Amino acid sequence: MFKGVFTAIVTPFKDTVIDENALQKIIEFQIKNGVSGIVACGSTGESATLSFEEHIKVIELSSKFCNGRVKVIAGTGSNNTEEAICLVKAAEKFQIDGHLQIAPYYNKPTQEGLYLHFKKISENAKLPVILYNVPSRTSVNMLPATVIRLSGIKNIKGIKEASGLLDQVTEILSGVPDDFCVLSGDDALTFPIIAVGGHGVISTVSNVAPKDMVDMVDHLFKGNYKTARKLNFQLLPLIHAMFIETNPIPVKKALNIMGLIENEIRLPLSEPSGATIQKIKEALKNYGIIK
């Protein structure tokens, strides 16, 4: 079971290449603050603009730096089924715990196409597969019936649900096996998703505030809703600031302001506007992350 807070880490660059020192630094920051694991090469990690070699290098380094201390979920998805299988096989050469597989983007497959895509990938994976439903990026919503059908496949063990539809999450939870994890893909919906039976979150905001996200989730699991609600209210303005512009533009700028990474992002993503930078600084200051 994948349970708790899994940070979708950024991919730090320096002079256009992967900044290995910064990657190690941000991973240590996450481990120190109690996360259950990290996700390498998700959309927050700019996977769309990593070459195949860079993609596998980030997974290799993440595995090396975590060294078994927390779980490593490798983003190995693609809108090309065969390419996803190649990424899966390459990533499994390293010490990882599972795969995050995004629904194919741009292609707009049918529900049957989604089922067959994930089924074929799972047949070529030795490790657990976590589905990733994010209609805002893929233009296709993986319906609960499809998720429930896929949950019957042996090594498909969970879903990162980022549809923003709480009723959809609830329907999934009502139909999948007990060992199938449902993780929030929206930081702002982590509280209600866990309240209806979810198992945690794959988080963006935990890049900058991991401890509070971990604490909130832990309190929810323990039934301490009053304390968890207070942390949720506290995190909400910071969450909003991390999505002022397209993810991961704001969170990379925040980490740069915090001194953890260089100020570098890859086209077609670009430097945030001056107004956005000011709002990010204000959010970090109000939260107490910077002075």
Protein backbone atom coordinates (compact mmCIF):
# COMPACT_ATOMS: atom_id res chain seq x y z
CA MET A 1 0.00 0.00 0.00
CA PHE A 2 1.21 3.48 -0.90
CA LYS A 3 0.01 5.61 1.98
CA GLY A 4 0.89 9.11 3.18
CA VAL A 5 2.56 12.05 1.49
CA PHE A 6 4.55 11.52 -1.70
CA THR A 7 6.20 14.66 -2.98
CA ALA A 8 6.22 15.14 -6.74
CA ILE A 9 9.71 16.61 -6.78
CA VAL A 10 10.93 19.18 -9.27
CA THR A 11 13.85 18.45 -11.56
CA PRO A 12 16.51 21.08 -10.80
CA PHE A 13 18.66 22.32 -13.68
CA LYS A 14 21.91 24.24 -13.79
CA ASP A 15 23.31 25.53 -17.07
CA THR A 16 20.65 23.48 -18.93
CA VAL A 17 21.59 20.10 -17.40
CA ILE A 18 20.32 18.18 -14.36
CA ASP A 19 21.72 19.68 -11.17
CA GLU A 20 22.62 16.54 -9.22
CA ASN A 21 23.71 18.41 -6.08
CA ALA A 22 20.42 20.31 -5.91
CA LEU A 23 18.44 17.12 -6.53
CA GLN A 24 20.16 15.48 -3.58
CA LYS A 25 19.52 18.57 -1.45
CA ILE A 26 15.78 18.65 -2.14
CA ILE A 27 15.44 14.91 -1.55
CA GLU A 28 17.22 15.21 1.82
CA PHE A 29 14.86 18.09 2.68
CA GLN A 30 11.88 15.84 1.96
CA ILE A 31 13.20 12.87 3.93
CA LYS A 32 14.13 15.07 6.90
CA ASN A 33 10.54 16.33 7.02
CA GLY A 34 8.95 12.91 7.13
CA VAL A 35 7.42 12.22 3.72
CA SER A 36 6.49 8.65 2.84
CA GLY A 37 8.16 8.93 -0.54
CA ILE A 38 8.91 10.95 -3.62
CA VAL A 39 7.73 10.87 -7.20
CA ALA A 40 10.51 11.44 -9.72
CA CYS A 41 9.73 12.63 -13.25
CA GLY A 42 6.11 13.53 -12.77
CA SER A 43 4.61 16.59 -14.43
CA THR A 44 6.06 18.68 -11.57
CA GLY A 45 9.44 17.23 -12.59
CA GLU A 46 9.06 18.56 -16.16
CA SER A 47 9.06 15.03 -17.55
CA ALA A 48 7.68 16.27 -20.87
CA THR A 49 10.94 18.09 -21.66
CA LEU A 50 13.39 15.50 -20.35
CA SER A 51 15.17 13.35 -22.90
CA PHE A 52 14.86 9.59 -22.41
CA GLU A 53 18.41 9.53 -21.00
CA GLU A 54 17.70 12.43 -18.62
CA HIS A 55 14.43 10.83 -17.54
CA ILE A 56 16.17 7.62 -16.51
CA LYS A 57 19.06 9.56 -14.94
CA VAL A 58 16.69 11.45 -12.62
CA ILE A 59 15.09 8.14 -11.56
CA GLU A 60 18.52 6.57 -11.02
CA LEU A 61 19.74 9.52 -8.94
CA SER A 62 16.51 9.68 -6.94
CA SER A 63 16.83 5.99 -6.11
CA LYS A 64 20.46 6.47 -5.14
CA PHE A 65 19.83 9.51 -2.94
CA CYS A 66 16.80 7.97 -1.20
CA ASN A 67 18.73 4.74 -0.61
CA GLY A 68 15.70 2.84 0.64
CA ARG A 69 14.83 5.39 3.32
CA VAL A 70 11.54 6.37 1.65
CA LYS A 71 9.61 5.00 -1.29
CA VAL A 72 10.50 6.09 -4.82
CA ILE A 73 7.72 6.17 -7.40
CA ALA A 74 9.02 6.64 -10.93
CA GLY A 75 7.02 8.64 -13.44
CA THR A 76 7.29 6.34 -16.44
CA GLY A 77 4.20 7.31 -18.40
CA SER A 78 3.81 8.39 -22.00
CA ASN A 79 1.07 8.88 -24.58
CA ASN A 80 2.96 6.23 -26.57
CA THR A 81 2.30 2.83 -25.01
CA GLU A 82 5.53 1.28 -26.27
CA GLU A 83 7.58 4.23 -25.03
CA ALA A 84 5.99 3.89 -21.59
CA ILE A 85 6.97 0.21 -21.55
CA CYS A 86 10.57 1.16 -22.44
CA LEU A 87 10.63 3.67 -19.57
CA VAL A 88 9.18 1.07 -17.18
CA LYS A 89 11.84 -1.50 -18.06
CA ALA A 90 14.67 1.03 -17.85
CA ALA A 91 13.49 2.38 -14.48
CA GLU A 92 13.23 -1.10 -12.96
CA LYS A 93 17.00 -1.48 -13.18
CA PHE A 94 17.14 0.76 -10.10
CA GLN A 95 15.76 0.52 -6.56
CA ILE A 96 12.27 1.92 -6.99
CA ASP A 97 8.94 0.92 -5.48
CA GLY A 98 6.47 1.54 -8.27
CA HIS A 99 5.46 3.43 -11.39
CA LEU A 100 3.20 6.44 -11.92
CA GLN A 101 1.44 6.09 -15.27
CA ILE A 102 -0.35 9.13 -16.64
CA ALA A 103 -3.37 8.75 -18.89
CA PRO A 104 -2.26 9.29 -22.50
CA TYR A 105 -2.34 12.99 -23.37
CA TYR A 106 -3.22 14.48 -26.78
CA ASN A 107 -4.36 11.10 -28.22
CA LYS A 108 -7.73 11.32 -26.39
CA PRO A 109 -8.28 7.54 -26.18
CA THR A 110 -11.64 5.98 -25.40
CA GLN A 111 -12.22 4.26 -22.06
CA GLU A 112 -11.42 0.95 -23.80
CA GLY A 113 -8.19 2.45 -25.13
CA LEU A 114 -7.24 3.58 -21.64
CA TYR A 115 -7.92 0.11 -20.27
CA LEU A 116 -5.83 -1.61 -22.94
CA HIS A 117 -2.99 0.95 -22.60
CA PHE A 118 -2.61 0.42 -18.86
CA LYS A 119 -3.19 -3.33 -19.11
CA LYS A 120 -0.32 -3.72 -21.58
CA ILE A 121 2.01 -1.57 -19.48
CA SER A 122 1.18 -3.55 -16.34
CA GLU A 123 1.92 -6.80 -18.17
CA ASN A 124 5.43 -5.49 -18.83
CA ALA A 125 6.05 -4.13 -15.31
CA LYS A 126 7.43 -6.14 -12.42
CA LEU A 127 6.56 -3.47 -9.86
CA PRO A 128 3.22 -1.94 -8.84
CA VAL A 129 1.60 0.55 -11.21
CA ILE A 130 -0.24 3.65 -10.00
CA LEU A 131 -2.61 5.19 -12.54
CA TYR A 132 -2.71 8.96 -12.94
CA ASN A 133 -5.94 10.67 -13.94
CA VAL A 134 -5.51 14.38 -14.69
CA PRO A 135 -8.08 15.51 -17.28
CA SER A 136 -6.89 19.13 -17.20
CA ARG A 137 -3.60 18.01 -18.79
CA THR A 138 -4.71 15.02 -20.85
CA SER A 139 -8.15 16.04 -22.22
CA VAL A 140 -9.57 12.67 -21.17
CA ASN A 141 -11.20 11.67 -17.88
CA MET A 142 -10.65 8.09 -16.78
CA LEU A 143 -14.08 7.13 -15.49
CA PRO A 144 -14.61 5.22 -12.23
CA ALA A 145 -15.85 2.13 -14.10
CA THR A 146 -12.55 2.01 -16.01
CA VAL A 147 -10.49 2.45 -12.83
CA ILE A 148 -12.48 -0.26 -11.06
CA ARG A 149 -11.97 -2.57 -14.04
CA LEU A 150 -8.23 -1.87 -14.05
CA SER A 151 -8.01 -2.47 -10.29
CA GLY A 152 -8.68 -6.12 -10.99
CA ILE A 153 -5.32 -6.44 -12.76
CA LYS A 154 -2.74 -7.95 -10.42
CA ASN A 155 -0.08 -5.23 -10.24
CA ILE A 156 -2.22 -2.14 -10.81
CA LYS A 157 -2.30 -0.99 -7.21
CA GLY A 158 -3.56 2.57 -7.09
CA ILE A 159 -4.48 5.85 -8.70
CA LYS A 160 -3.45 9.46 -8.37
CA GLU A 161 -6.81 11.16 -8.81
CA ALA A 162 -6.66 14.75 -10.05
CA SER A 163 -10.04 15.12 -11.72
CA GLY A 164 -11.17 17.50 -9.00
CA LEU A 165 -14.41 15.50 -8.71
CA LEU A 166 -14.98 14.28 -5.17
CA ASP A 167 -17.96 12.16 -6.18
CA GLN A 168 -15.75 10.40 -8.73
CA VAL A 169 -13.13 9.67 -6.07
CA THR A 170 -15.83 8.32 -3.77
CA GLU A 171 -17.21 6.07 -6.51
CA ILE A 172 -13.72 4.68 -7.17
CA LEU A 173 -13.17 3.98 -3.47
CA SER A 174 -16.49 2.17 -3.25
CA GLY A 175 -15.57 -0.26 -6.04
CA VAL A 176 -11.86 -1.07 -5.80
CA PRO A 177 -10.16 -3.75 -3.64
CA ASP A 178 -8.98 -2.85 -0.14
CA ASP A 179 -5.33 -2.97 -1.20
CA PHE A 180 -5.85 -0.44 -4.02
CA CYS A 181 -4.65 3.01 -2.93
CA VAL A 182 -6.41 6.22 -3.93
CA LEU A 183 -4.13 9.25 -3.65
CA SER A 184 -5.17 12.85 -4.08
CA GLY A 185 -3.62 14.58 -7.07
CA ASP A 186 -4.89 17.98 -5.92
CA ASP A 187 -3.25 19.47 -2.84
CA ALA A 188 -6.38 21.47 -2.02
CA LEU A 189 -8.56 18.32 -2.05
CA THR A 190 -6.30 16.15 0.11
CA PHE A 191 -8.41 16.72 3.23
CA PRO A 192 -11.77 15.69 1.75
CA ILE A 193 -10.30 12.81 -0.28
CA ILE A 194 -8.76 11.26 2.83
CA ALA A 195 -11.98 11.98 4.73
CA VAL A 196 -13.95 9.80 2.27
CA GLY A 197 -11.38 6.99 2.48
CA GLY A 198 -8.35 8.07 0.42
CA HIS A 199 -4.86 6.99 1.35
CA GLY A 200 -2.76 10.14 0.94
CA VAL A 201 -1.52 12.61 -1.63
CA ILE A 202 1.02 13.03 -4.39
CA SER A 203 1.76 16.63 -3.58
CA THR A 204 3.27 19.72 -5.20
CA VAL A 205 3.07 22.07 -2.21
CA SER A 206 5.06 19.59 -0.08
CA ASN A 207 8.10 20.61 -2.14
CA VAL A 208 8.14 23.77 -0.01
CA ALA A 209 6.14 22.78 3.12
CA PRO A 210 6.55 19.02 3.55
CA LYS A 211 6.21 18.81 7.32
CA ASP A 212 2.83 20.51 7.53
CA MET A 213 1.41 18.37 4.73
CA VAL A 214 2.75 15.25 6.47
CA ASP A 215 1.30 16.39 9.80
CA MET A 216 -2.10 17.16 8.28
CA VAL A 217 -2.30 13.75 6.63
CA ASP A 218 -1.15 11.97 9.81
CA HIS A 219 -3.82 13.76 11.85
CA LEU A 220 -6.46 12.77 9.31
CA PHE A 221 -5.45 9.12 9.55
CA LYS A 222 -5.71 9.35 13.33
CA GLY A 223 -9.13 11.00 13.19
CA ASN A 224 -7.86 14.29 14.62
CA TYR A 225 -10.01 16.33 12.23
CA LYS A 226 -9.94 19.59 14.17
CA THR A 227 -6.13 19.77 14.11
CA ALA A 228 -6.00 18.57 10.49
CA ARG A 229 -8.57 21.19 9.48
CA LYS A 230 -6.44 23.93 11.02
CA LEU A 231 -3.39 22.77 9.05
CA ASN A 232 -5.48 22.56 5.89
CA PHE A 233 -6.62 26.16 6.31
CA GLN A 234 -3.03 27.18 6.96
CA LEU A 235 -1.75 25.44 3.82
CA LEU A 236 -4.46 26.68 1.47
CA PRO A 237 -3.01 30.14 0.62
CA LEU A 238 0.37 28.53 -0.05
CA ILE A 239 -1.28 25.90 -2.26
CA HIS A 240 -3.02 28.63 -4.25
CA ALA A 241 0.31 30.45 -4.69
CA MET A 242 1.92 27.29 -6.10
CA PHE A 243 -0.65 27.23 -8.89
CA ILE A 244 -0.83 30.91 -9.88
CA GLU A 245 0.80 29.91 -13.15
CA THR A 246 1.28 26.51 -14.77
CA ASN A 247 2.87 23.92 -12.47
CA PRO A 248 5.84 23.72 -11.86
CA ILE A 249 6.63 27.37 -12.67
CA PRO A 250 5.63 28.75 -9.23
CA VAL A 251 7.03 25.89 -7.12
CA LYS A 252 10.41 26.05 -8.87
CA LYS A 253 10.51 29.80 -8.28
CA ALA A 254 9.62 29.20 -4.61
CA LEU A 255 12.40 26.66 -4.20
CA ASN A 256 14.81 29.08 -5.86
CA ILE A 257 13.78 31.83 -3.46
CA MET A 258 14.33 29.37 -0.60
CA GLY A 259 17.88 28.77 -1.87
CA LEU A 260 17.37 25.09 -2.72
CA ILE A 261 17.66 25.20 -6.51
CA GLU A 262 18.94 27.43 -9.31
CA ASN A 263 16.51 29.68 -11.16
CA GLU A 264 16.09 27.54 -14.26
CA ILE A 265 13.07 26.11 -16.05
CA ARG A 266 12.78 24.62 -19.53
CA LEU A 267 10.87 25.94 -22.48
CA PRO A 268 8.05 25.93 -23.34
CA LEU A 269 7.59 26.83 -19.65
CA SER A 270 9.01 30.23 -18.83
CA GLU A 271 10.01 32.51 -15.98
CA PRO A 272 6.96 33.71 -14.01
CA SER A 273 5.84 37.31 -14.34
CA GLY A 274 7.03 39.94 -11.88
CA ALA A 275 3.57 40.07 -10.30
CA THR A 276 3.58 36.29 -9.83
CA ILE A 277 7.04 36.34 -8.25
CA GLN A 278 5.87 38.96 -5.78
CA LYS A 279 2.82 36.87 -4.85
CA ILE A 280 5.01 33.80 -4.34
CA LYS A 281 7.37 35.77 -2.10
CA GLU A 282 4.42 37.11 -0.10
CA ALA A 283 2.96 33.62 0.32
CA LEU A 284 6.32 32.23 1.50
CA LYS A 285 6.77 35.15 3.87
CA ASN A 286 3.24 34.94 5.29
CA TYR A 287 3.75 31.22 5.84
CA GLY A 288 7.00 31.82 7.69
CA ILE A 289 9.21 30.00 5.18
CA ILE A 290 11.23 33.12 4.40
CA LYS A 291 11.68 36.38 6.28
